[in-house]
């Protein structure tokens, strides 16, 4: 069974955040970390995977990504820190 991931990456502790969705979390995190794709994450130096959650189907992952993207920063930090204290 294929999994889909909603993830949050950060530039540093409590820094700039990026919310995304992928079906290959390791590849996607590597692409961000190594700045292989031009765009927001490369511009702002977003390289740290700080949160992810697994979904069974792409539509639920896309819906969840859209919800999290609309959240306030404080809510995103709370979500991250509940599962990743470091």
C-alpha atoms as a PDB file:
ATOM      1  CA  UNK A   1       0.000   0.000   0.000  1.00  0.00           C
ATOM      2  CA  UNK A   2       1.273   3.441  -0.918  1.00  0.00           C
ATOM      3  CA  UNK A   3       1.405   6.140   1.743  1.00  0.00           C
ATOM      4  CA  UNK A   4       1.133   9.890   1.430  1.00  0.00           C
ATOM      5  CA  UNK A   5       2.753  12.346   3.799  1.00  0.00           C
ATOM      6  CA  UNK A   6       1.902  15.819   4.976  1.00  0.00           C
ATOM      7  CA  UNK A   7       5.060  17.397   6.325  1.00  0.00           C
ATOM      8  CA  UNK A   8       6.420  20.592   7.811  1.00  0.00           C
ATOM      9  CA  UNK A   9       9.955  21.801   7.286  1.00  0.00           C
ATOM     10  CA  UNK A  10      11.685  24.708   9.020  1.00  0.00           C
ATOM     11  CA  UNK A  11      14.667  26.975   8.488  1.00  0.00           C
ATOM     12  CA  UNK A  12      15.588  26.783  12.188  1.00  0.00           C
ATOM     13  CA  UNK A  13      13.891  26.522  15.584  1.00  0.00           C
ATOM     14  CA  UNK A  14      10.726  28.638  15.324  1.00  0.00           C
ATOM     15  CA  UNK A  15      11.925  29.933  11.947  1.00  0.00           C
ATOM     16  CA  UNK A  16      10.257  30.052   8.555  1.00  0.00           C
ATOM     17  CA  UNK A  17       7.942  27.100   7.925  1.00  0.00           C
ATOM     18  CA  UNK A  18       6.927  25.197   4.814  1.00  0.00           C
ATOM     19  CA  UNK A  19       3.981  22.774   4.649  1.00  0.00           C
ATOM     20  CA  UNK A  20       3.913  20.206   1.866  1.00  0.00           C
ATOM     21  CA  UNK A  21       2.574  16.843   0.725  1.00  0.00           C
ATOM     22  CA  UNK A  22       4.406  13.977  -0.984  1.00  0.00           C
ATOM     23  CA  UNK A  23       4.298  10.254  -1.618  1.00  0.00           C
ATOM     24  CA  UNK A  24       8.064   9.900  -0.967  1.00  0.00           C
ATOM     25  CA  UNK A  25       9.065  11.702   2.217  1.00  0.00           C
ATOM     26  CA  UNK A  26      12.755  10.733   2.170  1.00  0.00           C
ATOM     27  CA  UNK A  27      13.226  11.924  -1.412  1.00  0.00           C
ATOM     28  CA  UNK A  28      11.340  15.153  -0.793  1.00  0.00           C
ATOM     29  CA  UNK A  29      13.219  15.996   2.417  1.00  0.00           C
ATOM     30  CA  UNK A  30      16.497  15.333   0.586  1.00  0.00           C
ATOM     31  CA  UNK A  31      15.462  17.658  -2.254  1.00  0.00           C
ATOM     32  CA  UNK A  32      14.692  20.442   0.229  1.00  0.00           C
ATOM     33  CA  UNK A  33      17.864  19.890   2.275  1.00  0.00           C
ATOM     34  CA  UNK A  34      20.140  19.853  -0.774  1.00  0.00           C
ATOM     35  CA  UNK A  35      18.328  22.813  -2.426  1.00  0.00           C
ATOM     36  CA  UNK A  36      17.698  20.807  -5.597  1.00  0.00           C
ATOM     37  CA  UNK A  37      14.496  22.654  -6.512  1.00  0.00           C
ATOM     38  CA  UNK A  38      14.208  26.407  -6.927  1.00  0.00           C
ATOM     39  CA  UNK A  39      11.472  28.098  -4.948  1.00  0.00           C
ATOM     40  CA  UNK A  40      10.347  29.095  -1.478  1.00  0.00           C
ATOM     41  CA  UNK A  41      12.333  26.513   0.486  1.00  0.00           C
ATOM     42  CA  UNK A  42      15.576  27.257  -1.350  1.00  0.00           C
ATOM     43  CA  UNK A  43      15.093  31.028  -1.015  1.00  0.00           C
ATOM     44  CA  UNK A  44      14.485  30.826   2.751  1.00  0.00           C
ATOM     45  CA  UNK A  45      16.938  28.030   3.601  1.00  0.00           C
ATOM     46  CA  UNK A  46      14.261  25.609   4.785  1.00  0.00           C
ATOM     47  CA  UNK A  47      16.087  22.319   5.324  1.00  0.00           C
ATOM     48  CA  UNK A  48      14.864  20.731   8.569  1.00  0.00           C
ATOM     49  CA  UNK A  49      12.064  18.163   8.576  1.00  0.00           C
ATOM     50  CA  UNK A  50      10.272  18.882  11.859  1.00  0.00           C
ATOM     51  CA  UNK A  51       6.898  17.128  11.467  1.00  0.00           C
ATOM     52  CA  UNK A  52       5.082  14.614   9.310  1.00  0.00           C
ATOM     53  CA  UNK A  53       1.939  12.550   9.343  1.00  0.00           C
ATOM     54  CA  UNK A  54       0.948   9.568   7.220  1.00  0.00           C
ATOM     55  CA  UNK A  55      -2.209   9.295   5.124  1.00  0.00           C
ATOM     56  CA  UNK A  56      -3.567   6.312   3.221  1.00  0.00           C
ATOM     57  CA  UNK A  57      -4.896   8.213   0.221  1.00  0.00           C
ATOM     58  CA  UNK A  58      -3.806  11.350  -1.632  1.00  0.00           C
ATOM     59  CA  UNK A  59      -7.079  13.227  -1.250  1.00  0.00           C
ATOM     60  CA  UNK A  60      -6.973  13.108   2.554  1.00  0.00           C
ATOM     61  CA  UNK A  61      -3.323  14.225   2.505  1.00  0.00           C
ATOM     62  CA  UNK A  62      -4.101  17.125   0.155  1.00  0.00           C
ATOM     63  CA  UNK A  63      -7.068  18.193   2.290  1.00  0.00           C
ATOM     64  CA  UNK A  64      -4.963  18.070   5.470  1.00  0.00           C
ATOM     65  CA  UNK A  65      -2.127  20.030   3.828  1.00  0.00           C
ATOM     66  CA  UNK A  66      -4.567  22.770   2.824  1.00  0.00           C
ATOM     67  CA  UNK A  67      -5.991  22.937   6.350  1.00  0.00           C
ATOM     68  CA  UNK A  68      -2.563  23.216   7.995  1.00  0.00           C
ATOM     69  CA  UNK A  69      -1.416  25.851   5.477  1.00  0.00           C
ATOM     70  CA  UNK A  70      -4.308  28.084   6.591  1.00  0.00           C
ATOM     71  CA  UNK A  71      -3.410  27.772  10.283  1.00  0.00           C
ATOM     72  CA  UNK A  72      -1.756  30.520  12.284  1.00  0.00           C
ATOM     73  CA  UNK A  73       1.978  30.046  12.927  1.00  0.00           C
ATOM     74  CA  UNK A  74       1.347  29.440  16.628  1.00  0.00           C
ATOM     75  CA  UNK A  75      -0.952  26.512  15.819  1.00  0.00           C
ATOM     76  CA  UNK A  76       1.691  25.006  13.520  1.00  0.00           C
ATOM     77  CA  UNK A  77       4.338  25.344  16.233  1.00  0.00           C
ATOM     78  CA  UNK A  78       2.015  23.650  18.713  1.00  0.00           C
ATOM     79  CA  UNK A  79       1.447  20.751  16.305  1.00  0.00           C
ATOM     80  CA  UNK A  80       5.199  20.386  15.750  1.00  0.00           C
ATOM     81  CA  UNK A  81       6.134  20.620  19.411  1.00  0.00           C
ATOM     82  CA  UNK A  82       3.515  18.081  20.520  1.00  0.00           C
ATOM     83  CA  UNK A  83       5.335  15.376  18.579  1.00  0.00           C
ATOM     84  CA  UNK A  84       8.854  16.812  18.281  1.00  0.00           C
ATOM     85  CA  UNK A  85      10.093  18.609  21.368  1.00  0.00           C
ATOM     86  CA  UNK A  86      13.535  19.215  19.826  1.00  0.00           C
END
